[in-house]
Each structure stands twice: as C-alpha cells, then as structure tokens.
Amino acid sequence: MRIAGNSEGAGGEIELTPAEIVAELDKYIIGQDKAKRTVAIAIRNRYRRARVEGQMRDEIIPKNILMIGPTGVGKTEVARRMARQIRAPFVKVEATKFTEVGYVGRDVDSIVRDLAEIAVRTLKNELIAELSEKLTDAAAWRIVDILQPKPKRAHPAAGAEDIEAARERTEQAERVRAKLYERILSGAMDDEKVRIQVSETAPKFMQVFSSQGLEELGMNLQEMLGDAGPKSRKEKEVSVAEARRIFLEEEVEQELDHEKLVHKAIERVEQTGMVFIDEIDKITLGDKGAGPDVSRGGVQRDLLPLVEGTTVITKYGPIKTNHILFMAAGAFSTAKPSDLIPEFQGRFPLRVEFDSLSAGEFERILTEPKNALTRQYEELLATDRVVLKFTSGGVKALARLAQKANRLLEDIGARRLYTMMEKVLEDVSFDAPFSKPKTVKVDRKYVEERVGDILAEKDLAEYIL
C-alpha cells in the first residue's frame, strides 16, 4: 500500500489506485464488492482527468452514480468513507428536505453552499494542524507574559551596582518564565485561573433575501464593513487551558491568509467535491395525479442543472458544479429507477445494486472491520470495569438472529445488529459500573436467552427489535 506516501491530486485529495481504494473500504465495509469497484473507478477517473492536458480536460465530466439497495447495506458508508480517505469535500443530504424553487423549503443550491462551508472549515483545520507547534508556543508565551512579565531594563544612566542588580533580576525572571512555559505546555497549570484580554467578536448575522428565498447566509457585519473601527476588548478570568485555546485562535487568525484559504477551498469543491443525495426514490413521480409536484418531479428538475453543471453563488464566491461527483441512493422498494424523470436518469449513467446482507456477512461485520461492533462495545464497557468476551458461537447467534429479525420484520440491514447488541447487553450495561473487573462471556446461550424468546413472538419483536 502507498497510502502514506501517495501524492495529492489537483484538489488536495490523497491519490489512490482503484485497488487501493477498494482495500481501504474493505477495512470498514463488508461485502458490496461491485459497488466498491464502481466508486473506486469513478474516483480514479478524477485523477486521470487532472492529468489530461489542454481543453479536453474540461470536456471530461464525472460519471455520476445511482446506488440501489435496501437500507443498512452500506450505501452511505461507502461514499462517506471514500471521501474521508481521499480528503475530498463531502456532504450528505436528504432528497425529501428540498422543495421546488418558489415554495417554502430548502432549495437545491444550498447543497453547494453547505459543501463550500465544509471545504473552508476542513482546509482551515488542516492549516491549523500544520502550524500547531509554532502557534502553540506563541500562545503559551503570551500566558507567560501575563503571569510573569519581563522585568524592566535598567536606566542607561544607572550605576554599575544597579545595572548588575537588574541583570540578576532579569536572569531570575527568565528562569521563572522558562519553568512557567514548560508547565503550561505540559498541562500542569490547565486548571489554574488567569485574567486575559479577549476580543468581543460575537458574529452578527443577516438574513438575505435571494432569488431562492430567505437564506441564512451567515454574513459577518465586521467582514462586510472591512473591520471598520477598533475591536472592543474586555478582561475575562479563564483557566489556563481556555486561555491557550483563545490565544491559539487569535494567533491562527493573524497567520492565516483568508483570501488564499477561500480560493483553495473553492478549488477543492469544484475539482473534488462529492455530494451524496439519499432517499432519492422518495421523490419519484409516483402518482402523477396527486396535486402539485413540489417535492418530487419539481426537485428533480431543479437538481438537473446542478448535476449537469451550473454556477452557484455562495458567500465565498461563485462555484461551478461541472466536475462535482454526485451520488444518489435509494431503496426503491415501492418505486423503480425508471420512475425518475428521464432527464434525471440520464445524469446518473452508473447504476450499482447493493445486495441484502446474509448471516455470514453479519458475522463478518461483527468481527472484521476496524470499527467492528463487538470491539466498540468491548471498549465502551471496559470503562466501567466490564470485560466482554464474545465467543464464536455468540457472534454466530447474533448474526443468525439479526438475519431472522430482518426476514420476519423489516429488512433494515446491518442496523439491526445495533438493536440486537443493545438488547443482549442491556442487563450488564445497566448494572455497571463494578468495583472490580467483571468478565461477561457472550456465547450462544447468553444471546439466545435474551433475544431468542422475543423473536419467537413476532408481534412482540415488532416493538422491541
């Protein structure tokens, strides 16, 4: 694997080959190999496009993906994990939250505005991390200056004895300041109080009436007025830990070039942004005679220019959506992809079907991923001196009963495992914490005693599981 040493793409994301992308997804997501391959190829094609020279680069557009499958099988997780791995700006939205332009509700352009906000915030955090050591030192020395100010220099006309005494005071003060600095950095003084001067910078927001309706754009009045006039400051008593945080933020603000940051964030959105539109099957046309088409076909028509390529005005500037990768997903249990309007279907040429999960895949989900559910509960209850030990039989029983519950009730995929685990571990979770370590062996008998009888009665299981 070349992950640590991989180069970055034009938009700042980590560059991976399709095989490496799938290998990374395999660490967290079980099964769905076809879906992983399709997403991996779509991501790799973005790197390939970035290497194309001349005008042809702009002609190559991303192939958007339509994910089809029941809930809880990994549609959202595939997209989210992929975006996190390659450091691409990512936003997940629900299709049902939007309405057609001209009606009360969110308009689809807010998707790009949200993506811009995420990109700016993520890039700012990355820059802060890069400068953390330098800025942390500066923040610590500012606290030292408050607790132990530098001594005044001796007057030039002072005698030799006064100059020598001043030199000794300076050396002693520097030793004290150095010790204070070390204690502040180590966290030994975090709970102690200190009085500092802080800026009163509570942002004042405006509601701006745009062509799409009333939008909370979050415009800071001080930014609009060019920081006109001096900023007011007040004295405040805080802990040393809080003072470090406040001073670190102030140092960051002085160090960052906001214009350059915003420009780079917009470039990331335009070149590597990813949008995941969930519940897309809920805005199919369905019954075409049932009233105005505000949240179904109307939303699809509004999404068309966004997916095809348009320019959206945000508070950071205009953003082109031509090369943003869109992924739409839905269960399509009561509708078909063909129920989407033809123009919208054409904007999502790649279709991937997610399979329902089997008992064997449930078993793997419980044990194999880095964030496996059994490991999560082991770590969680270990904080209350509970030593959980899942046997192979216990894991198999959990997987088998989860599949049975999905078959008898509603198929909610891997989410059923959360319900099963909570029910199985309900007693020990309630009785904890313990005065000394307590070992709990979760075997087949332990699982079946707590869940088996509930599944035997379907009416009861509908309410509990």
Protein backbone atom coordinates (compact mmCIF):
# COMPACT_ATOMS: atom_id res chain seq x y z
CA MET A 1 0.00 0.00 0.00
CA ARG A 2 1.24 3.51 -0.87
CA ILE A 3 -1.19 5.47 1.24
CA ALA A 4 1.24 7.28 3.49
CA GLY A 5 3.47 8.30 0.65
CA ASN A 6 0.86 8.90 -2.01
CA SER A 7 0.87 12.18 -3.88
CA GLU A 8 -2.01 14.63 -3.81
CA GLY A 9 -4.34 15.39 -6.68
CA ALA A 10 -5.01 18.86 -8.04
CA GLY A 11 -7.72 19.43 -5.47
CA GLY A 12 -5.62 18.32 -2.49
CA GLU A 13 -7.04 14.82 -2.00
CA ILE A 14 -4.88 11.75 -1.46
CA GLU A 15 -4.23 9.83 -4.67
CA LEU A 16 -5.03 6.12 -4.59
CA THR A 17 -5.28 3.44 -7.27
CA PRO A 18 -8.65 1.62 -7.65
CA ALA A 19 -7.22 -1.46 -5.92
CA GLU A 20 -6.01 0.66 -3.00
CA ILE A 21 -9.38 2.38 -2.74
CA VAL A 22 -11.17 -0.97 -2.50
CA ALA A 23 -8.62 -2.23 0.05
CA GLU A 24 -9.28 0.81 2.23
CA LEU A 25 -13.05 0.35 2.00
CA ASP A 26 -12.66 -3.34 2.89
CA LYS A 27 -11.28 -2.28 6.29
CA TYR A 28 -14.66 -0.84 7.28
CA ILE A 29 -17.31 -2.25 4.92
CA ILE A 30 -18.09 -5.92 4.42
CA GLY A 31 -19.24 -7.18 1.02
CA GLN A 32 -20.69 -4.96 -1.75
CA ASP A 33 -17.65 -5.61 -3.97
CA LYS A 34 -19.34 -4.39 -7.16
CA ALA A 35 -20.27 -1.08 -5.57
CA LYS A 36 -16.76 -0.59 -4.22
CA ARG A 37 -15.23 -1.21 -7.66
CA THR A 38 -17.59 1.26 -9.33
CA VAL A 39 -16.85 4.01 -6.80
CA ALA A 40 -13.11 3.28 -6.97
CA ILE A 41 -13.10 3.68 -10.77
CA ALA A 42 -15.13 6.91 -10.56
CA ILE A 43 -12.65 8.35 -8.05
CA ARG A 44 -9.61 7.27 -10.04
CA ASN A 45 -11.05 8.85 -13.19
CA ARG A 46 -10.85 12.22 -11.44
CA TYR A 47 -7.08 11.83 -11.08
CA ARG A 48 -6.86 10.75 -14.69
CA ARG A 49 -8.79 13.81 -15.79
CA ALA A 50 -6.47 16.08 -13.77
CA ARG A 51 -3.53 14.76 -15.83
CA VAL A 52 -5.18 15.38 -19.17
CA GLU A 53 -3.70 18.43 -20.87
CA GLY A 54 -5.41 21.13 -22.91
CA GLN A 55 -9.10 21.81 -23.47
CA MET A 56 -10.05 18.14 -23.34
CA ARG A 57 -9.74 18.25 -19.55
CA ASP A 58 -12.82 20.48 -19.25
CA GLU A 59 -14.78 18.22 -21.60
CA ILE A 60 -14.36 15.18 -19.35
CA ILE A 61 -17.21 15.18 -16.84
CA PRO A 62 -17.68 12.85 -13.85
CA LYS A 63 -19.93 9.83 -14.27
CA ASN A 64 -22.48 10.19 -11.50
CA ILE A 65 -23.61 7.09 -9.63
CA LEU A 66 -27.10 5.83 -8.70
CA MET A 67 -26.96 3.39 -5.77
CA ILE A 68 -29.88 0.99 -5.42
CA GLY A 69 -30.41 -1.23 -2.38
CA PRO A 70 -32.22 -1.66 0.95
CA THR A 71 -31.39 0.44 3.97
CA GLY A 72 -28.45 -0.52 6.15
CA VAL A 73 -26.32 -2.24 3.49
CA GLY A 74 -23.56 0.38 3.24
CA LYS A 75 -24.60 2.90 0.57
CA THR A 76 -23.88 5.97 2.67
CA GLU A 77 -20.86 4.40 4.35
CA VAL A 78 -19.15 3.64 1.03
CA ALA A 79 -19.46 7.28 -0.05
CA ARG A 80 -18.53 8.78 3.33
CA ARG A 81 -15.51 6.54 3.92
CA MET A 82 -14.26 7.19 0.41
CA ALA A 83 -14.49 10.95 0.78
CA ARG A 84 -12.76 10.85 4.16
CA GLN A 85 -9.95 8.65 2.84
CA ILE A 86 -9.10 10.93 -0.09
CA ARG A 87 -9.83 14.16 1.86
CA ALA A 88 -12.48 15.33 -0.58
CA PRO A 89 -15.18 17.82 0.48
CA PHE A 90 -18.30 15.72 1.14
CA VAL A 91 -21.90 16.49 2.03
CA LYS A 92 -24.84 14.14 2.56
CA VAL A 93 -28.35 15.47 2.02
CA GLU A 94 -31.85 14.03 2.09
CA ALA A 95 -33.77 14.50 -1.14
CA THR A 96 -37.02 14.90 0.79
CA LYS A 97 -35.73 18.05 2.53
CA PHE A 98 -35.88 20.09 -0.66
CA THR A 99 -38.74 21.77 -2.49
CA GLU A 100 -39.10 23.33 -5.91
CA VAL A 101 -37.97 26.96 -6.28
CA GLY A 102 -40.76 29.32 -5.30
CA TYR A 103 -42.13 27.14 -2.48
CA VAL A 104 -41.35 27.19 1.23
CA GLY A 105 -38.41 24.90 2.00
CA ARG A 106 -34.74 24.49 1.16
CA ASP A 107 -33.63 25.00 -2.41
CA VAL A 108 -31.11 22.67 -4.02
CA ASP A 109 -28.43 25.38 -4.34
CA SER A 110 -27.97 25.11 -0.57
CA ILE A 111 -26.21 21.79 -1.24
CA VAL A 112 -23.30 23.62 -2.84
CA ARG A 113 -23.31 26.30 -0.15
CA ASP A 114 -23.05 23.58 2.51
CA LEU A 115 -20.24 21.93 0.56
CA ALA A 116 -18.36 25.24 0.44
CA GLU A 117 -18.73 25.70 4.21
CA ILE A 118 -17.38 22.20 4.82
CA ALA A 119 -14.44 22.74 2.47
CA VAL A 120 -13.44 26.03 4.10
CA ARG A 121 -13.73 24.61 7.61
CA THR A 122 -11.80 21.43 6.73
CA LEU A 123 -8.99 23.32 4.99
CA LYS A 124 -8.73 25.76 7.90
CA ASN A 125 -8.40 22.85 10.34
CA GLU A 126 -5.68 21.32 8.16
CA LEU A 127 -3.72 24.58 8.15
CA ILE A 128 -4.12 24.92 11.91
CA ALA A 129 -2.73 21.40 12.35
CA GLU A 130 0.28 22.28 10.19
CA LEU A 131 1.00 25.39 12.25
CA SER A 132 0.04 23.91 15.63
CA GLU A 133 3.53 23.60 17.12
CA LYS A 134 4.58 27.13 16.22
CA LEU A 135 1.26 28.66 17.24
CA THR A 136 1.02 26.67 20.48
CA ASP A 137 4.40 28.03 21.54
CA ALA A 138 3.30 31.59 20.80
CA ALA A 139 0.06 31.13 22.76
CA ALA A 140 1.96 29.70 25.74
CA TRP A 141 4.42 32.60 25.81
CA ARG A 142 1.51 35.08 25.82
CA ILE A 143 0.24 33.44 29.02
CA VAL A 144 3.75 33.58 30.48
CA ASP A 145 3.87 37.32 29.70
CA ILE A 146 0.71 37.78 31.79
CA LEU A 147 1.78 35.62 34.74
CA GLN A 148 5.43 36.72 34.79
CA PRO A 149 6.07 39.88 32.74
CA LYS A 150 9.59 40.61 31.60
CA PRO A 151 11.42 42.90 34.06
CA LYS A 152 12.16 46.45 33.01
CA ARG A 153 15.66 47.21 31.80
CA ALA A 154 17.97 49.33 33.96
CA HIS A 155 18.09 53.02 33.08
CA PRO A 156 21.12 53.90 30.90
CA ALA A 157 22.27 56.44 33.47
CA ALA A 158 22.13 53.93 36.36
CA GLY A 159 25.26 52.99 38.25
CA ALA A 160 27.21 49.76 37.91
CA GLU A 161 25.54 48.23 41.01
CA ASP A 162 22.05 49.00 39.71
CA ILE A 163 22.91 47.52 36.29
CA GLU A 164 24.24 44.33 37.92
CA ALA A 165 21.14 44.03 40.15
CA ALA A 166 18.90 44.49 37.11
CA ARG A 167 20.83 41.81 35.24
CA GLU A 168 20.36 39.36 38.11
CA ARG A 169 16.64 40.13 38.27
CA THR A 170 16.37 39.57 34.53
CA GLU A 171 18.16 36.20 34.72
CA GLN A 172 15.98 35.09 37.65
CA ALA A 173 12.82 36.21 35.82
CA GLU A 174 13.87 34.34 32.68
CA ARG A 175 14.37 31.14 34.71
CA VAL A 176 10.91 31.56 36.24
CA ARG A 177 9.41 32.29 32.82
CA ALA A 178 11.04 29.20 31.31
CA LYS A 179 9.61 26.99 34.09
CA LEU A 180 6.17 28.55 33.64
CA TYR A 181 6.36 27.94 29.91
CA GLU A 182 7.19 24.25 30.44
CA ARG A 183 4.38 23.80 32.96
CA ILE A 184 1.86 25.49 30.65
CA LEU A 185 2.83 23.32 27.69
CA SER A 186 2.73 20.12 29.80
CA GLY A 187 -0.80 20.93 31.01
CA ALA A 188 0.23 21.08 34.68
CA MET A 189 -1.39 24.52 35.04
CA ASP A 190 -4.53 23.89 32.97
CA ASP A 191 -6.92 24.30 35.92
CA GLU A 192 -5.33 27.48 37.29
CA LYS A 193 -7.02 30.83 36.62
CA VAL A 194 -5.64 33.76 34.67
CA ARG A 195 -7.10 37.12 33.64
CA ILE A 196 -6.76 37.92 29.95
CA GLN A 197 -7.98 40.48 27.43
CA VAL A 198 -10.33 38.97 24.86
CA SER A 199 -11.96 40.47 21.79
CA GLU A 200 -15.71 40.80 21.70
CA THR A 201 -16.20 39.22 18.32
CA ALA A 202 -19.66 37.71 18.52
CA PRO A 203 -20.72 37.50 14.86
CA LYS A 204 -23.82 39.38 13.83
CA PHE A 205 -25.80 37.57 11.19
CA MET A 206 -28.03 38.90 8.49
CA GLN A 207 -30.85 37.24 6.69
CA VAL A 208 -30.50 37.92 2.99
CA PHE A 209 -33.41 37.61 0.59
CA SER A 210 -32.05 35.91 -2.50
CA SER A 211 -33.78 34.72 -5.65
CA GLN A 212 -34.18 31.33 -3.98
CA GLY A 213 -35.87 32.73 -0.88
CA LEU A 214 -34.82 33.74 2.60
CA GLU A 215 -31.36 32.31 3.21
CA GLU A 216 -29.31 32.43 6.39
CA LEU A 217 -26.01 33.24 4.73
CA GLY A 218 -24.22 33.94 8.00
CA MET A 219 -22.56 37.13 6.79
CA ASN A 220 -20.44 38.76 9.44
CA LEU A 221 -21.10 42.50 9.63
CA GLN A 222 -17.49 43.22 10.51
CA GLU A 223 -16.35 41.45 7.33
CA MET A 224 -18.87 43.43 5.26
CA LEU A 225 -17.63 46.72 6.68
CA GLY A 226 -13.98 45.80 6.25
CA ASP A 227 -13.37 45.58 10.01
CA ALA A 228 -14.08 49.30 10.26
CA GLY A 229 -13.11 50.77 13.62
CA PRO A 230 -11.16 49.21 16.51
CA LYS A 231 -12.35 45.94 18.00
CA SER A 232 -13.58 46.23 21.58
CA ARG A 233 -11.83 44.11 24.21
CA LYS A 234 -12.78 43.07 27.70
CA GLU A 235 -11.00 41.45 30.61
CA LYS A 236 -12.07 37.93 31.47
CA GLU A 237 -10.96 35.32 34.01
CA VAL A 238 -10.47 31.91 32.43
CA SER A 239 -8.49 28.74 33.07
CA VAL A 240 -5.00 28.47 31.60
CA ALA A 241 -6.28 25.76 29.26
CA GLU A 242 -9.02 28.08 27.97
CA ALA A 243 -6.51 30.94 27.64
CA ARG A 244 -4.29 28.72 25.48
CA ARG A 245 -7.25 27.93 23.22
CA ILE A 246 -8.26 31.60 22.91
CA PHE A 247 -4.72 32.78 22.21
CA LEU A 248 -4.19 29.94 19.74
CA GLU A 249 -7.28 31.04 17.79
CA GLU A 250 -6.03 34.63 17.74
CA GLU A 251 -2.59 33.54 16.55
CA VAL A 252 -4.21 31.45 13.83
CA GLU A 253 -6.31 34.38 12.63
CA GLN A 254 -3.18 36.51 12.31
CA GLU A 255 -1.27 33.77 10.50
CA LEU A 256 -3.91 32.64 8.00
CA ASP A 257 -4.34 34.22 4.61
CA HIS A 258 -8.14 34.03 4.38
CA GLU A 259 -8.30 35.07 0.74
CA LYS A 260 -5.89 32.30 -0.24
CA LEU A 261 -7.70 29.80 2.01
CA VAL A 262 -11.09 30.53 0.41
CA HIS A 263 -9.62 30.34 -3.10
CA LYS A 264 -8.10 26.92 -2.39
CA ALA A 265 -11.30 25.68 -0.72
CA ILE A 266 -13.38 26.68 -3.75
CA GLU A 267 -10.92 24.85 -6.00
CA ARG A 268 -11.32 21.73 -3.86
CA VAL A 269 -15.10 21.91 -4.10
CA GLU A 270 -15.07 22.40 -7.86
CA GLN A 271 -12.47 19.71 -8.63
CA THR A 272 -13.01 17.04 -5.96
CA GLY A 273 -16.33 17.78 -4.23
CA MET A 274 -18.68 14.85 -3.57
CA VAL A 275 -22.44 15.09 -2.95
CA PHE A 276 -24.47 12.14 -1.63
CA ILE A 277 -28.24 12.52 -2.17
CA ASP A 278 -30.09 9.98 -0.06
CA GLU A 279 -33.74 8.90 -0.29
CA ILE A 280 -33.81 9.73 -3.99
CA ASP A 281 -36.56 7.14 -4.50
CA LYS A 282 -38.87 9.26 -2.32
CA ILE A 283 -39.03 11.99 -4.97
CA THR A 284 -40.03 9.79 -7.88
CA LEU A 285 -43.19 10.83 -9.69
CA GLY A 286 -45.30 8.01 -8.31
CA ASP A 287 -48.94 9.02 -8.52
CA LYS A 288 -48.74 11.72 -11.15
CA GLY A 289 -52.25 12.95 -10.45
CA ALA A 290 -51.75 13.73 -6.76
CA GLY A 291 -51.54 17.54 -6.60
CA PRO A 292 -48.64 19.90 -7.34
CA ASP A 293 -45.29 18.30 -7.97
CA VAL A 294 -43.42 20.45 -5.41
CA SER A 295 -41.15 17.91 -3.73
CA ARG A 296 -40.88 15.22 -6.39
CA GLY A 297 -40.55 15.98 -10.09
CA GLY A 298 -40.00 19.65 -9.24
CA VAL A 299 -36.98 18.86 -7.10
CA GLN A 300 -35.63 16.54 -9.79
CA ARG A 301 -35.90 19.33 -12.37
CA ASP A 302 -34.14 21.75 -10.01
CA LEU A 303 -31.35 19.23 -9.44
CA LEU A 304 -30.75 18.80 -13.17
CA PRO A 305 -28.71 21.99 -13.78
CA LEU A 306 -26.79 21.38 -10.54
CA VAL A 307 -25.81 17.87 -11.63
CA GLU A 308 -25.19 18.81 -15.26
CA GLY A 309 -23.08 21.84 -14.40
CA THR A 310 -24.01 25.35 -13.31
CA THR A 311 -22.66 28.21 -11.20
CA VAL A 312 -23.96 28.69 -7.66
CA ILE A 313 -23.40 31.95 -5.80
CA THR A 314 -22.14 31.46 -2.24
CA LYS A 315 -20.82 33.89 0.34
CA TYR A 316 -17.31 32.73 -0.64
CA GLY A 317 -17.89 33.47 -4.31
CA PRO A 318 -19.28 31.63 -7.35
CA ILE A 319 -18.76 27.87 -7.50
CA LYS A 320 -19.04 25.77 -10.67
CA THR A 321 -20.58 22.32 -10.23
CA ASN A 322 -19.41 20.84 -13.57
CA HIS A 323 -16.91 18.44 -12.00
CA ILE A 324 -18.55 17.68 -8.64
CA LEU A 325 -19.32 13.96 -8.30
CA PHE A 326 -22.96 13.29 -7.42
CA MET A 327 -24.09 10.00 -5.90
CA ALA A 328 -27.81 9.37 -5.43
CA ALA A 329 -29.14 6.47 -3.38
CA GLY A 330 -32.46 4.88 -2.55
CA ALA A 331 -34.07 1.60 -1.54
CA PHE A 332 -36.52 1.69 -4.48
CA SER A 333 -38.76 -0.78 -2.63
CA THR A 334 -42.01 0.83 -3.82
CA ALA A 335 -40.62 2.66 -6.86
CA LYS A 336 -38.25 1.93 -9.72
CA PRO A 337 -35.31 3.95 -11.06
CA SER A 338 -37.36 4.32 -14.24
CA ASP A 339 -39.91 6.35 -12.22
CA LEU A 340 -37.37 9.18 -12.09
CA ILE A 341 -37.84 11.69 -14.90
CA PRO A 342 -35.80 10.66 -17.99
CA GLU A 343 -33.53 13.73 -17.86
CA PHE A 344 -32.57 12.92 -14.27
CA GLN A 345 -31.91 9.26 -15.07
CA GLY A 346 -29.56 10.36 -17.84
CA ARG A 347 -27.45 12.39 -15.40
CA PHE A 348 -26.65 9.21 -13.42
CA PRO A 349 -25.23 6.81 -16.02
CA LEU A 350 -23.63 4.41 -13.49
CA ARG A 351 -26.02 2.19 -11.56
CA VAL A 352 -24.91 -0.03 -8.71
CA GLU A 353 -27.08 -2.54 -6.90
CA PHE A 354 -26.35 -3.26 -3.23
CA ASP A 355 -27.19 -6.77 -2.04
CA SER A 356 -29.08 -7.64 1.12
CA LEU A 357 -26.79 -8.91 3.86
CA SER A 358 -26.59 -12.59 4.75
CA ALA A 359 -25.93 -14.15 8.16
CA GLY A 360 -22.33 -14.79 7.11
CA GLU A 361 -21.84 -11.11 6.27
CA PHE A 362 -23.44 -10.09 9.58
CA GLU A 363 -20.90 -12.32 11.31
CA ARG A 364 -18.04 -10.65 9.46
CA ILE A 365 -19.45 -7.17 10.22
CA LEU A 366 -19.38 -8.02 13.93
CA THR A 367 -15.71 -9.00 13.96
CA GLU A 368 -13.64 -7.96 10.92
CA PRO A 369 -13.82 -4.16 10.37
CA LYS A 370 -11.54 -1.81 12.27
CA ASN A 371 -14.62 -0.34 13.93
CA ALA A 372 -16.35 -3.71 14.46
CA LEU A 373 -19.39 -3.55 16.71
CA THR A 374 -18.01 -6.12 19.16
CA ARG A 375 -14.83 -4.05 19.60
CA GLN A 376 -16.86 -0.90 20.16
CA TYR A 377 -18.82 -2.50 23.00
CA GLU A 378 -15.70 -4.07 24.49
CA GLU A 379 -14.05 -0.63 24.70
CA LEU A 380 -17.24 1.08 25.85
CA LEU A 381 -17.97 -1.24 28.78
CA ALA A 382 -14.29 -1.57 29.71
CA THR A 383 -14.58 1.97 31.09
CA ASP A 384 -16.91 0.50 33.76
CA ARG A 385 -14.64 -2.49 34.51
CA VAL A 386 -16.60 -4.92 32.36
CA VAL A 387 -14.50 -7.42 30.39
CA LEU A 388 -16.64 -8.56 27.45
CA LYS A 389 -15.64 -11.77 25.74
CA PHE A 390 -17.54 -12.66 22.54
CA THR A 391 -17.23 -16.32 21.63
CA SER A 392 -17.51 -17.61 18.07
CA GLY A 393 -20.85 -19.17 18.96
CA GLY A 394 -22.12 -15.92 20.40
CA VAL A 395 -21.21 -13.99 17.27
CA LYS A 396 -22.85 -16.62 15.05
CA ALA A 397 -26.02 -16.46 17.15
CA LEU A 398 -26.15 -12.67 16.91
CA ALA A 399 -25.71 -12.82 13.14
CA ARG A 400 -28.31 -15.57 12.68
CA LEU A 401 -30.92 -13.85 14.86
CA ALA A 402 -30.31 -10.48 13.19
CA GLN A 403 -30.98 -12.02 9.78
CA LYS A 404 -34.08 -13.73 11.15
CA ALA A 405 -35.38 -10.45 12.55
CA ASN A 406 -34.84 -8.75 9.19
CA ARG A 407 -36.72 -11.54 7.47
CA LEU A 408 -39.66 -11.54 9.90
CA LEU A 409 -39.96 -7.80 10.35
CA GLU A 410 -38.48 -5.11 8.10
CA ASP A 411 -35.11 -5.51 6.39
CA ILE A 412 -33.01 -2.71 7.87
CA GLY A 413 -29.68 -4.31 7.06
CA ALA A 414 -26.74 -4.04 9.44
CA ARG A 415 -28.60 -1.53 11.59
CA ARG A 416 -30.44 -4.49 13.08
CA LEU A 417 -27.18 -5.50 14.77
CA TYR A 418 -27.24 -2.33 16.88
CA THR A 419 -30.70 -3.25 18.20
CA MET A 420 -29.62 -6.82 18.90
CA MET A 421 -26.44 -5.80 20.71
CA GLU A 422 -28.25 -3.28 22.89
CA LYS A 423 -30.83 -5.88 23.89
CA VAL A 424 -28.25 -8.60 24.54
CA LEU A 425 -26.07 -6.31 26.69
CA GLU A 426 -28.91 -4.44 28.38
CA ASP A 427 -28.51 -6.10 31.81
CA VAL A 428 -24.76 -5.68 32.13
CA SER A 429 -24.95 -2.11 30.80
CA PHE A 430 -27.50 -1.27 33.49
CA ASP A 431 -25.66 -2.97 36.37
CA ALA A 432 -22.27 -1.42 35.56
CA PRO A 433 -20.01 0.05 36.88
CA PHE A 434 -18.47 -2.57 39.13
CA SER A 435 -15.98 -2.15 41.98
CA LYS A 436 -13.66 -4.74 40.43
CA PRO A 437 -13.31 -6.17 36.91
CA LYS A 438 -16.23 -8.41 35.90
CA THR A 439 -15.94 -10.81 32.97
CA VAL A 440 -19.04 -11.36 30.83
CA LYS A 441 -18.94 -14.22 28.35
CA VAL A 442 -21.27 -13.61 25.41
CA ASP A 443 -21.83 -17.09 23.96
CA ARG A 444 -24.71 -18.66 22.03
CA LYS A 445 -26.69 -19.45 25.20
CA TYR A 446 -26.24 -15.89 26.55
CA VAL A 447 -27.55 -14.41 23.28
CA GLU A 448 -30.49 -16.75 22.83
CA GLU A 449 -31.67 -16.30 26.42
CA ARG A 450 -32.03 -12.56 25.86
CA VAL A 451 -33.26 -12.39 22.27
CA GLY A 452 -34.46 -15.82 21.16
CA ASP A 453 -37.78 -15.73 23.02
CA ILE A 454 -38.61 -12.26 21.68
CA LEU A 455 -38.16 -13.39 18.08
CA ALA A 456 -40.44 -16.36 18.73
CA GLU A 457 -43.32 -13.90 19.13
CA LYS A 458 -43.49 -11.75 16.00
CA ASP A 459 -45.90 -9.16 17.47
CA LEU A 460 -43.59 -8.59 20.44
CA ALA A 461 -40.50 -8.47 18.25
CA GLU A 462 -42.02 -5.67 16.16
CA TYR A 463 -41.97 -3.42 19.21
CA ILE A 464 -38.68 -4.49 20.83
CA LEU A 465 -36.40 -5.32 17.88
